[in-house]
Amino acid sequence: MFETIRQHWFSNVRADVLAGAVVALALIPEAIAFSIIAGVDPKIGLYASFSMAVVIAFAGGRPGMISAATGATALLMVTLVRDHGLQYLLAATLLTGVIQILFGYLKLGALMRFVSRSVVTGFVNALAILIFMAQLPELTGVTWHVYAMTAAGLGIIYLFPYVPVVGKTLPSPLVCIVVLTAVYMFSGMDIRTVGDMGQLPDSLPVFLLPDVPLNLETLWIILPYSLAIAVVGLLESMMTATIVDELTDTPSDKNRECKGQGLANIVTGFLGGMAGCAMIGQSVINVKSGGRNRLSTLVAGVFLLILVVFLGDWVSQIPMAALVAVMIMVSIGTFSWESIRDLRRHPLSTNIVMVATVIVVVATHNLAIGVLVGVLLASLFFANKVGQILYIGSRMGPDGETREYEVIGQVFFASSTRFTDSFDFKEAVPRVRIDLSRAHFWDITGVGALDNVVIKFRREGTEVEVIGLNEASATLVDRFAVHDKPEAVEKLMGH
């Protein structure tokens, strides 16, 4: 137990603390921006980012991953806030947490194994594009000072690691923020700062109950929003966990993460915050800055609260150009550049799934829809590919009166037509033997195809023998087939 605590919390203290500080600074403008999207006060998003990060540090299934208020969930709250107000949003946040905990106990985190690598790659590339696009408003219609500061920030981020001794000690994004803030404060140039984004809170969050009627009417109002936020939040969290798993070459517990996200949202709702989930951008910042353990996530949450409540005057002086530089670094680091090179090597179906996921996510700004489209396309391509792996050969038996068919492969909805078309029903033979010892039936469509073949042969006056069904296929055939049930066959042959 103590070894596990040491490994997950205190095996990388210095790097975790510094990385958490960088993430906390990057969370501030994001939380404010997402609050504005949802139509609530900036402090709602900031309180949510604090509580989500702190709770998930203890309860989450992926060490080093950052959870906070996110754009994906904020977009789903707009109508609820507009039509019913903040209190209903807080109630929806609580219900979101309950649903996510339920999903965790139902082990729905295991569904991530159905998301192919091409979908994950498309998701990551789309997110990188969205992160970059989100910075464009800060780079349009501005003076040359902003471009100069942003370029200087990117220069610090990418060149500082090459500085002897300290280059490998301090995270370059943190150095970028500190240096550009100092330059802004001493030069007095006219550029946007964090303080221009909105009023920072000046007090700690307090426990409160949502001021809504506790009745079925309230439940029916918030349930659709809570369910949508729960699904989108868990989807983004699971994708983020998968990406961090690959970046750090360590495993994570997806079902525990579902429960952790749920608990974090419940606490957030009681502290007056909006629902959130894992953040890919901030998680990548954390990992790239050296954060690996739960301590980095805890530091990010605690430091964020300290910054906005106790050091708000200093934080408000951070130029947006510094944070834009950090987020551009994140978008560049998040994008899978290998996927562009691999377009010529990978199968066309893989490329279509990846590109479709990117296009849908970027077009809709909805990560869930993009992933759903990618998964559906990948499933269709897979079903089509497996459906092609079906061979049916035939030969005349030694007695000269029995046609023997041998079926090799998978028989299901995608291959059922090919299965049926492979038999010659007009051949005048007294008997047909169908050997299924090297075949497998997966669904009722496949069983229906077998019924169709047997009944067609019998209509032609041919005796049919089916042999070799494996145990699983035999169970399915016994339960759903009609060719071996005389009364059913008579009805079918009568039509």
Protein backbone atom coordinates (compact mmCIF):
# COMPACT_ATOMS: atom_id res chain seq x y z
CA MET A 1 0.00 0.00 0.00
CA PHE A 2 2.71 2.49 1.01
CA GLU A 3 4.72 1.60 -2.08
CA THR A 4 1.68 2.26 -4.27
CA ILE A 5 1.10 5.65 -2.60
CA ARG A 6 4.75 6.56 -3.07
CA GLN A 7 4.69 5.50 -6.72
CA HIS A 8 1.46 7.35 -7.60
CA TRP A 9 2.12 10.47 -5.54
CA PHE A 10 5.72 11.09 -4.53
CA SER A 11 8.00 9.41 -7.09
CA ASN A 12 8.30 12.55 -9.26
CA VAL A 13 7.65 15.43 -6.86
CA ARG A 14 9.63 18.31 -8.39
CA ALA A 15 8.46 17.71 -11.95
CA ASP A 16 4.87 17.13 -10.81
CA VAL A 17 4.75 20.39 -8.84
CA LEU A 18 6.20 22.46 -11.69
CA ALA A 19 3.96 20.80 -14.27
CA GLY A 20 0.90 21.38 -12.08
CA ALA A 21 1.79 25.08 -11.84
CA VAL A 22 1.98 25.36 -15.63
CA VAL A 23 -1.37 23.60 -16.03
CA ALA A 24 -3.01 25.86 -13.44
CA LEU A 25 -1.99 28.95 -15.42
CA ALA A 26 -3.26 27.41 -18.67
CA LEU A 27 -6.58 26.47 -17.01
CA ILE A 28 -7.52 30.04 -16.11
CA PRO A 29 -8.36 31.47 -19.57
CA GLU A 30 -9.88 28.13 -20.64
CA ALA A 31 -12.20 28.01 -17.62
CA ILE A 32 -13.27 31.61 -18.14
CA ALA A 33 -13.86 31.06 -21.86
CA PHE A 34 -15.94 27.91 -21.24
CA SER A 35 -18.00 29.76 -18.63
CA ILE A 36 -18.79 32.41 -21.20
CA ILE A 37 -19.79 29.70 -23.71
CA ALA A 38 -22.17 28.15 -21.17
CA GLY A 39 -23.61 31.56 -20.30
CA VAL A 40 -22.54 31.65 -16.65
CA ASP A 41 -20.25 33.80 -14.52
CA PRO A 42 -16.49 33.07 -14.96
CA LYS A 43 -16.18 31.95 -11.36
CA ILE A 44 -18.50 28.98 -12.11
CA GLY A 45 -15.94 27.57 -14.52
CA LEU A 46 -12.98 28.40 -12.27
CA TYR A 47 -14.56 26.74 -9.22
CA ALA A 48 -15.39 23.72 -11.39
CA SER A 49 -11.80 23.45 -12.64
CA PHE A 50 -10.47 23.60 -9.08
CA SER A 51 -12.83 20.98 -7.64
CA MET A 52 -12.66 18.63 -10.64
CA ALA A 53 -8.86 18.58 -10.57
CA VAL A 54 -8.61 18.08 -6.80
CA VAL A 55 -11.20 15.29 -6.59
CA ILE A 56 -9.99 13.43 -9.68
CA ALA A 57 -6.44 13.48 -8.30
CA PHE A 58 -7.64 11.12 -5.58
CA ALA A 59 -10.52 9.28 -7.27
CA GLY A 60 -9.47 9.01 -10.93
CA GLY A 61 -8.12 5.95 -12.69
CA ARG A 62 -5.43 7.72 -14.72
CA PRO A 63 -2.59 9.39 -12.76
CA GLY A 64 -1.37 12.64 -14.28
CA MET A 65 -4.56 13.37 -16.21
CA ILE A 66 -6.20 16.80 -15.80
CA SER A 67 -9.97 17.24 -15.40
CA ALA A 68 -11.73 20.60 -15.34
CA ALA A 69 -14.49 22.61 -17.01
CA THR A 70 -14.37 21.85 -20.75
CA GLY A 71 -15.76 23.21 -23.99
CA ALA A 72 -17.28 19.84 -24.93
CA THR A 73 -19.53 19.88 -21.87
CA ALA A 74 -20.09 23.66 -21.86
CA LEU A 75 -21.68 23.51 -25.32
CA LEU A 76 -24.33 21.13 -23.97
CA MET A 77 -25.33 23.50 -21.15
CA VAL A 78 -26.20 26.58 -23.20
CA THR A 79 -29.92 25.86 -23.66
CA LEU A 80 -30.42 24.71 -20.06
CA VAL A 81 -28.82 27.86 -18.62
CA ARG A 82 -30.72 30.11 -21.03
CA ASP A 83 -34.13 28.54 -20.39
CA HIS A 84 -33.92 27.60 -16.70
CA GLY A 85 -30.95 29.36 -15.09
CA LEU A 86 -27.83 28.52 -13.09
CA GLN A 87 -29.54 26.54 -10.32
CA TYR A 88 -30.84 23.97 -12.78
CA LEU A 89 -27.32 23.69 -14.21
CA LEU A 90 -25.99 22.85 -10.74
CA ALA A 91 -28.71 20.22 -10.31
CA ALA A 92 -27.86 18.79 -13.73
CA THR A 93 -24.21 18.64 -12.70
CA LEU A 94 -25.12 16.54 -9.65
CA LEU A 95 -27.24 14.18 -11.75
CA THR A 96 -24.41 13.93 -14.31
CA GLY A 97 -22.13 12.69 -11.56
CA VAL A 98 -24.64 10.07 -10.42
CA ILE A 99 -25.06 8.78 -13.99
CA GLN A 100 -21.30 8.57 -14.50
CA ILE A 101 -20.82 6.61 -11.27
CA LEU A 102 -23.55 4.24 -12.45
CA PHE A 103 -21.75 3.85 -15.79
CA GLY A 104 -18.58 3.04 -13.87
CA TYR A 105 -20.26 0.25 -11.90
CA LEU A 106 -21.74 -1.08 -15.14
CA LYS A 107 -18.13 -1.22 -16.43
CA LEU A 108 -18.93 0.85 -19.52
CA GLY A 109 -15.32 2.03 -19.56
CA ALA A 110 -14.51 -1.30 -21.18
CA LEU A 111 -16.35 -0.08 -24.30
CA MET A 112 -13.19 1.84 -25.21
CA ARG A 113 -11.83 -1.36 -26.73
CA PHE A 114 -14.32 -0.87 -29.57
CA VAL A 115 -12.71 2.45 -30.52
CA SER A 116 -10.11 1.75 -33.20
CA ARG A 117 -6.72 3.45 -33.41
CA SER A 118 -7.80 5.33 -36.54
CA VAL A 119 -10.70 6.89 -34.58
CA VAL A 120 -8.37 7.87 -31.73
CA THR A 121 -5.93 9.41 -34.23
CA GLY A 122 -8.74 11.34 -35.91
CA PHE A 123 -10.03 12.50 -32.52
CA VAL A 124 -6.57 13.72 -31.51
CA ASN A 125 -5.96 15.52 -34.80
CA ALA A 126 -9.38 17.18 -34.66
CA LEU A 127 -8.77 18.32 -31.11
CA ALA A 128 -5.40 19.78 -32.09
CA ILE A 129 -7.10 21.73 -34.88
CA LEU A 130 -9.84 22.97 -32.52
CA ILE A 131 -7.25 24.05 -29.93
CA PHE A 132 -5.40 26.03 -32.61
CA MET A 133 -8.63 27.54 -34.00
CA ALA A 134 -9.61 28.63 -30.48
CA GLN A 135 -6.49 30.82 -30.38
CA LEU A 136 -7.27 32.66 -33.64
CA PRO A 137 -9.58 35.28 -32.04
CA GLU A 138 -6.59 36.35 -29.94
CA LEU A 139 -4.50 36.75 -33.11
CA THR A 140 -6.93 38.63 -35.35
CA GLY A 141 -7.44 42.38 -35.38
CA VAL A 142 -4.54 42.97 -32.97
CA THR A 143 -1.38 45.06 -32.99
CA TRP A 144 2.06 43.78 -33.96
CA HIS A 145 2.95 43.57 -30.28
CA VAL A 146 0.72 40.50 -29.88
CA TYR A 147 2.40 38.69 -32.78
CA ALA A 148 5.82 39.59 -31.43
CA MET A 149 4.94 38.35 -27.93
CA THR A 150 3.42 35.13 -29.28
CA ALA A 151 6.47 34.47 -31.47
CA ALA A 152 8.76 35.18 -28.52
CA GLY A 153 6.72 32.80 -26.38
CA LEU A 154 7.02 30.01 -28.93
CA GLY A 155 10.74 30.70 -29.18
CA ILE A 156 11.12 30.37 -25.40
CA ILE A 157 9.04 27.18 -25.32
CA TYR A 158 11.03 25.39 -28.00
CA LEU A 159 14.52 26.82 -27.38
CA PHE A 160 14.70 27.05 -23.57
CA PRO A 161 15.12 23.24 -23.15
CA TYR A 162 18.50 23.60 -24.93
CA VAL A 163 19.83 26.04 -22.31
CA PRO A 164 22.53 24.26 -20.24
CA VAL A 165 21.61 23.14 -16.70
CA VAL A 166 18.30 25.01 -16.17
CA GLY A 167 16.86 24.07 -19.59
CA LYS A 168 16.05 20.57 -18.41
CA THR A 169 15.06 21.66 -14.89
CA LEU A 170 12.25 24.18 -15.48
CA PRO A 171 9.26 23.57 -17.78
CA SER A 172 9.62 25.88 -20.76
CA PRO A 173 5.88 26.81 -20.84
CA LEU A 174 6.18 28.13 -17.25
CA VAL A 175 9.27 30.13 -18.20
CA CYS A 176 7.38 31.50 -21.21
CA ILE A 177 4.49 32.74 -19.04
CA VAL A 178 6.76 34.30 -16.39
CA VAL A 179 9.05 36.04 -18.90
CA LEU A 180 6.29 37.44 -21.10
CA THR A 181 4.34 38.64 -18.05
CA ALA A 182 7.43 40.48 -16.82
CA VAL A 183 7.97 42.03 -20.27
CA TYR A 184 4.34 43.18 -20.38
CA MET A 185 4.43 44.69 -16.88
CA PHE A 186 7.64 46.62 -17.51
CA SER A 187 6.81 47.75 -21.06
CA GLY A 188 3.19 48.70 -20.47
CA MET A 189 2.22 47.71 -24.02
CA ASP A 190 -1.46 47.74 -24.95
CA ILE A 191 -2.38 44.04 -25.31
CA ARG A 192 -5.09 41.78 -23.86
CA THR A 193 -4.45 40.10 -20.53
CA VAL A 194 -6.20 37.45 -18.45
CA GLY A 195 -7.89 40.24 -16.51
CA ASP A 196 -9.66 41.32 -19.70
CA MET A 197 -11.31 37.88 -19.99
CA GLY A 198 -13.58 38.40 -16.97
CA GLN A 199 -13.73 39.08 -13.25
CA LEU A 200 -11.74 36.58 -11.17
CA PRO A 201 -13.39 35.29 -7.96
CA ASP A 202 -12.23 36.85 -4.69
CA SER A 203 -13.51 34.18 -2.28
CA LEU A 204 -13.33 30.43 -1.74
CA PRO A 205 -16.21 28.26 -2.99
CA VAL A 206 -18.79 27.26 -0.38
CA PHE A 207 -21.04 24.20 -0.07
CA LEU A 208 -24.57 24.80 -1.32
CA LEU A 209 -27.63 22.91 -2.46
CA PRO A 210 -29.16 23.81 -5.85
CA ASP A 211 -32.23 25.97 -5.31
CA VAL A 212 -34.64 23.91 -7.44
CA PRO A 213 -37.90 22.06 -6.65
CA LEU A 214 -37.21 18.43 -5.77
CA ASN A 215 -39.86 16.85 -7.98
CA LEU A 216 -40.29 14.83 -11.18
CA GLU A 217 -40.73 17.96 -13.28
CA THR A 218 -37.22 19.09 -12.35
CA LEU A 219 -35.88 15.62 -13.08
CA TRP A 220 -37.39 15.57 -16.57
CA ILE A 221 -35.94 19.02 -17.27
CA ILE A 222 -32.35 18.17 -16.30
CA LEU A 223 -32.22 14.45 -17.26
CA PRO A 224 -31.63 14.91 -21.03
CA TYR A 225 -28.85 17.43 -20.36
CA SER A 226 -27.28 15.33 -17.62
CA LEU A 227 -27.30 12.21 -19.76
CA ALA A 228 -25.72 14.02 -22.72
CA ILE A 229 -23.05 15.65 -20.53
CA ALA A 230 -22.32 12.32 -18.82
CA VAL A 231 -21.81 10.50 -22.12
CA VAL A 232 -19.75 13.25 -23.77
CA GLY A 233 -17.71 13.80 -20.61
CA LEU A 234 -16.87 10.12 -20.21
CA LEU A 235 -16.11 9.75 -23.90
CA GLU A 236 -13.62 12.62 -23.82
CA SER A 237 -12.19 11.35 -20.53
CA MET A 238 -11.71 7.82 -21.87
CA MET A 239 -10.07 9.13 -25.06
CA THR A 240 -7.81 11.38 -22.99
CA ALA A 241 -6.86 8.45 -20.75
CA THR A 242 -5.97 6.37 -23.80
CA ILE A 243 -3.77 9.16 -25.17
CA VAL A 244 -1.98 9.70 -21.84
CA ASP A 245 -1.54 5.92 -21.55
CA GLU A 246 0.34 6.01 -24.86
CA LEU A 247 2.35 9.13 -23.99
CA THR A 248 3.52 7.70 -20.65
CA ASP A 249 3.51 3.99 -21.60
CA THR A 250 1.50 3.19 -18.46
CA PRO A 251 -1.97 1.62 -17.98
CA SER A 252 -5.11 3.18 -16.52
CA ASP A 253 -8.33 1.92 -14.97
CA LYS A 254 -11.11 3.16 -17.25
CA ASN A 255 -13.98 2.03 -15.01
CA ARG A 256 -12.43 3.71 -11.97
CA GLU A 257 -12.05 6.83 -14.09
CA CYS A 258 -15.80 6.76 -14.83
CA LYS A 259 -16.57 6.64 -11.10
CA GLY A 260 -13.96 9.31 -10.37
CA GLN A 261 -15.42 11.68 -12.96
CA GLY A 262 -18.85 11.12 -11.44
CA LEU A 263 -17.67 11.87 -7.90
CA ALA A 264 -15.80 14.96 -9.12
CA ASN A 265 -18.95 16.30 -10.82
CA ILE A 266 -21.05 15.69 -7.70
CA VAL A 267 -18.58 17.64 -5.54
CA THR A 268 -18.41 20.35 -8.21
CA GLY A 269 -22.19 20.71 -8.25
CA PHE A 270 -22.27 21.18 -4.47
CA LEU A 271 -19.50 23.82 -4.72
CA GLY A 272 -21.32 25.88 -7.32
CA GLY A 273 -19.38 24.72 -10.37
CA MET A 274 -20.40 23.50 -13.83
CA ALA A 275 -19.94 19.90 -14.99
CA GLY A 276 -16.60 19.01 -16.56
CA CYS A 277 -14.42 16.14 -17.67
CA ALA A 278 -10.83 15.31 -18.61
CA MET A 279 -9.02 17.82 -20.82
CA ILE A 280 -6.74 16.52 -23.53
CA GLY A 281 -4.94 19.84 -24.06
CA GLN A 282 -4.12 20.40 -20.38
CA SER A 283 -3.28 16.72 -19.88
CA VAL A 284 -0.78 16.95 -22.74
CA ILE A 285 0.67 20.14 -21.20
CA ASN A 286 1.05 18.27 -17.92
CA VAL A 287 2.80 15.29 -19.51
CA LYS A 288 5.01 17.45 -21.75
CA SER A 289 6.01 19.50 -18.69
CA GLY A 290 7.08 16.38 -16.79
CA GLY A 291 3.90 15.63 -14.79
CA ARG A 292 3.26 11.92 -14.35
CA ASN A 293 1.54 11.30 -11.02
CA ARG A 294 -1.57 12.28 -9.08
CA LEU A 295 0.38 15.03 -7.31
CA SER A 296 0.58 17.04 -10.54
CA THR A 297 -3.23 17.02 -10.88
CA LEU A 298 -3.70 17.99 -7.22
CA VAL A 299 -1.18 20.82 -7.52
CA ALA A 300 -2.92 22.09 -10.66
CA GLY A 301 -6.26 22.33 -8.83
CA VAL A 302 -4.96 23.81 -5.59
CA PHE A 303 -2.60 26.24 -7.34
CA LEU A 304 -5.43 27.36 -9.62
CA LEU A 305 -7.57 28.31 -6.60
CA ILE A 306 -4.65 30.09 -4.91
CA LEU A 307 -3.90 32.01 -8.10
CA VAL A 308 -7.41 33.26 -8.81
CA VAL A 309 -8.45 33.97 -5.20
CA PHE A 310 -5.28 35.18 -3.50
CA LEU A 311 -3.03 36.23 -6.40
CA GLY A 312 -5.73 37.50 -8.73
CA ASP A 313 -4.05 40.89 -9.22
CA TRP A 314 -0.89 39.21 -10.48
CA VAL A 315 -2.66 36.58 -12.57
CA SER A 316 -4.76 39.24 -14.29
CA GLN A 317 -1.49 40.72 -15.63
CA ILE A 318 -0.57 37.59 -17.61
CA PRO A 319 -0.75 38.51 -21.32
CA MET A 320 -3.03 36.33 -23.40
CA ALA A 321 -0.21 36.09 -25.95
CA ALA A 322 1.77 33.97 -23.47
CA LEU A 323 -1.10 31.53 -23.02
CA VAL A 324 -1.76 31.51 -26.78
CA ALA A 325 1.86 30.45 -27.31
CA VAL A 326 1.43 27.63 -24.79
CA MET A 327 -1.78 26.43 -26.44
CA ILE A 328 -0.21 26.55 -29.91
CA MET A 329 2.57 24.37 -28.53
CA VAL A 330 -0.11 22.01 -27.22
CA SER A 331 -1.88 21.85 -30.60
CA ILE A 332 1.40 21.14 -32.40
CA GLY A 333 2.34 18.48 -29.87
CA THR A 334 -1.14 16.94 -29.87
CA PHE A 335 -1.47 16.57 -33.65
CA SER A 336 -0.32 13.17 -34.92
CA TRP A 337 2.02 14.24 -37.74
CA GLU A 338 2.80 10.59 -38.44
CA SER A 339 -0.81 10.12 -39.55
CA ILE A 340 -0.16 12.44 -42.52
CA ARG A 341 2.89 10.44 -43.55
CA ASP A 342 1.04 7.16 -43.05
CA LEU A 343 -1.80 8.12 -45.40
CA ARG A 344 0.12 6.48 -48.25
CA ARG A 345 0.90 3.33 -46.24
CA HIS A 346 -2.35 2.66 -44.43
CA PRO A 347 -5.41 0.99 -46.03
CA LEU A 348 -7.98 3.30 -47.62
CA SER A 349 -10.62 2.31 -45.05
CA THR A 350 -8.33 3.34 -42.17
CA ASN A 351 -7.66 6.72 -43.78
CA ILE A 352 -11.37 7.31 -44.43
CA VAL A 353 -12.22 6.63 -40.77
CA MET A 354 -9.48 8.97 -39.53
CA VAL A 355 -10.30 11.81 -41.95
CA ALA A 356 -14.08 11.48 -41.39
CA THR A 357 -13.58 11.72 -37.62
CA VAL A 358 -11.51 14.88 -38.06
CA ILE A 359 -13.99 16.52 -40.45
CA VAL A 360 -17.07 15.79 -38.32
CA VAL A 361 -15.45 16.95 -35.06
CA VAL A 362 -14.11 20.16 -36.60
CA ALA A 363 -17.39 20.87 -38.41
CA THR A 364 -19.66 20.24 -35.42
CA HIS A 365 -17.25 21.11 -32.56
CA ASN A 366 -18.79 18.04 -30.93
CA LEU A 367 -16.24 15.38 -30.04
CA ALA A 368 -18.91 12.76 -29.29
CA ILE A 369 -20.53 13.00 -32.74
CA GLY A 370 -17.15 12.74 -34.45
CA VAL A 371 -16.14 9.68 -32.47
CA LEU A 372 -19.55 8.07 -33.05
CA VAL A 373 -19.20 8.57 -36.81
CA GLY A 374 -15.67 7.17 -36.71
CA VAL A 375 -16.71 4.10 -34.72
CA LEU A 376 -19.67 3.42 -37.02
CA LEU A 377 -17.50 3.71 -40.14
CA ALA A 378 -14.80 1.50 -38.63
CA SER A 379 -17.44 -1.09 -37.69
CA LEU A 380 -18.90 -1.08 -41.19
CA PHE A 381 -15.49 -1.47 -42.82
CA PHE A 382 -14.61 -4.26 -40.40
CA ALA A 383 -17.89 -6.10 -41.01
CA ASN A 384 -17.41 -5.79 -44.76
CA LYS A 385 -13.84 -7.06 -44.54
CA VAL A 386 -14.73 -10.05 -42.37
CA GLY A 387 -17.74 -10.75 -44.58
CA GLN A 388 -15.41 -11.21 -47.54
CA ILE A 389 -13.50 -13.95 -45.73
CA LEU A 390 -15.93 -16.69 -46.70
CA TYR A 391 -15.13 -19.65 -48.95
CA ILE A 392 -17.63 -22.26 -50.09
CA GLY A 393 -16.33 -25.16 -52.16
CA SER A 394 -18.18 -28.18 -53.51
CA ARG A 395 -17.48 -31.58 -55.00
CA MET A 396 -19.45 -34.65 -55.98
CA GLY A 397 -19.38 -37.43 -53.39
CA PRO A 398 -17.97 -40.91 -54.05
CA ASP A 399 -21.46 -42.31 -54.66
CA GLY A 400 -22.05 -39.89 -57.54
CA GLU A 401 -25.38 -38.81 -56.09
CA THR A 402 -24.39 -36.51 -53.21
CA ARG A 403 -23.13 -32.94 -53.70
CA GLU A 404 -20.86 -32.03 -50.78
CA TYR A 405 -20.44 -28.36 -49.87
CA GLU A 406 -17.71 -27.19 -47.49
CA VAL A 407 -18.15 -23.77 -45.84
CA ILE A 408 -15.09 -21.97 -44.45
CA GLY A 409 -15.40 -18.60 -42.68
CA GLN A 410 -17.82 -16.37 -40.79
CA VAL A 411 -21.53 -16.29 -41.58
CA PHE A 412 -23.36 -13.18 -40.32
CA PHE A 413 -25.33 -10.23 -41.67
CA ALA A 414 -22.52 -8.97 -43.92
CA SER A 415 -21.81 -12.37 -45.52
CA SER A 416 -25.27 -13.96 -45.53
CA THR A 417 -26.05 -13.00 -49.14
CA ARG A 418 -22.73 -14.35 -50.35
CA PHE A 419 -23.40 -17.55 -48.41
CA THR A 420 -26.79 -18.06 -50.06
CA ASP A 421 -25.54 -17.25 -53.58
CA SER A 422 -22.78 -19.88 -53.39
CA PHE A 423 -25.17 -22.86 -53.68
CA ASP A 424 -26.51 -24.30 -56.94
CA PHE A 425 -30.19 -25.00 -56.31
CA LYS A 426 -30.93 -26.09 -59.90
CA GLU A 427 -28.48 -28.98 -59.96
CA ALA A 428 -30.43 -32.25 -60.16
CA VAL A 429 -28.90 -34.29 -57.34
CA PRO A 430 -30.78 -36.52 -54.86
CA ARG A 431 -28.77 -35.42 -51.82
CA VAL A 432 -26.75 -32.42 -50.57
CA ARG A 433 -24.38 -32.46 -47.60
CA ILE A 434 -23.33 -29.10 -46.10
CA ASP A 435 -20.18 -29.35 -43.97
CA LEU A 436 -20.01 -26.44 -41.47
CA SER A 437 -17.14 -27.74 -39.33
CA ARG A 438 -14.91 -24.82 -40.41
CA ALA A 439 -17.63 -22.16 -40.32
CA HIS A 440 -19.16 -20.06 -37.55
CA PHE A 441 -22.65 -18.55 -37.37
CA TRP A 442 -22.81 -15.27 -35.45
CA ASP A 443 -26.34 -13.90 -35.69
CA ILE A 444 -29.92 -14.64 -36.70
CA THR A 445 -29.25 -13.25 -40.19
CA GLY A 446 -26.68 -15.99 -40.71
CA VAL A 447 -29.09 -18.58 -39.32
CA GLY A 448 -31.79 -17.25 -41.63
CA ALA A 449 -29.42 -17.69 -44.59
CA LEU A 450 -28.89 -21.35 -43.61
CA ASP A 451 -32.68 -21.81 -43.38
CA ASN A 452 -33.05 -20.25 -46.80
CA VAL A 453 -30.49 -22.60 -48.37
CA VAL A 454 -31.91 -25.77 -46.82
CA ILE A 455 -35.51 -24.89 -47.65
CA LYS A 456 -34.66 -23.98 -51.26
CA PHE A 457 -32.96 -27.35 -51.77
CA ARG A 458 -35.96 -29.16 -50.28
CA ARG A 459 -38.31 -27.27 -52.60
CA GLU A 460 -36.33 -28.77 -55.48
CA GLY A 461 -36.83 -32.22 -54.00
CA THR A 462 -33.28 -32.55 -52.73
CA GLU A 463 -32.50 -34.21 -49.39
CA VAL A 464 -30.25 -31.97 -47.25
CA GLU A 465 -27.87 -32.96 -44.45
CA VAL A 466 -26.17 -30.30 -42.31
CA ILE A 467 -23.09 -31.49 -40.40
CA GLY A 468 -20.18 -30.12 -38.37
CA LEU A 469 -21.76 -27.21 -36.50
CA ASN A 470 -19.56 -26.12 -33.59
CA GLU A 471 -21.14 -25.81 -30.16
CA ALA A 472 -21.77 -22.05 -30.25
CA SER A 473 -23.22 -22.13 -33.76
CA ALA A 474 -25.33 -25.21 -32.94
CA THR A 475 -26.83 -23.41 -29.94
CA LEU A 476 -27.79 -20.44 -32.13
CA VAL A 477 -29.18 -22.66 -34.88
CA ASP A 478 -31.16 -24.82 -32.46
CA ARG A 479 -32.76 -21.75 -30.96
CA PHE A 480 -33.59 -19.70 -34.06
CA ALA A 481 -33.49 -21.96 -37.14
CA VAL A 482 -36.69 -23.31 -38.70
CA HIS A 483 -35.32 -25.72 -41.31
CA ASP A 484 -35.21 -28.48 -38.67
CA LYS A 485 -38.76 -27.78 -37.44
CA PRO A 486 -41.23 -29.55 -39.77
CA GLU A 487 -44.27 -27.39 -39.03
CA ALA A 488 -42.35 -24.14 -39.65
CA VAL A 489 -40.83 -25.45 -42.88
CA GLU A 490 -44.24 -26.47 -44.20
CA LYS A 491 -45.55 -22.95 -43.62
CA LEU A 492 -42.54 -21.36 -45.31
CA MET A 493 -42.61 -23.75 -48.27
CA GLY A 494 -46.28 -23.05 -48.73
CA HIS A 495 -45.62 -19.36 -49.61
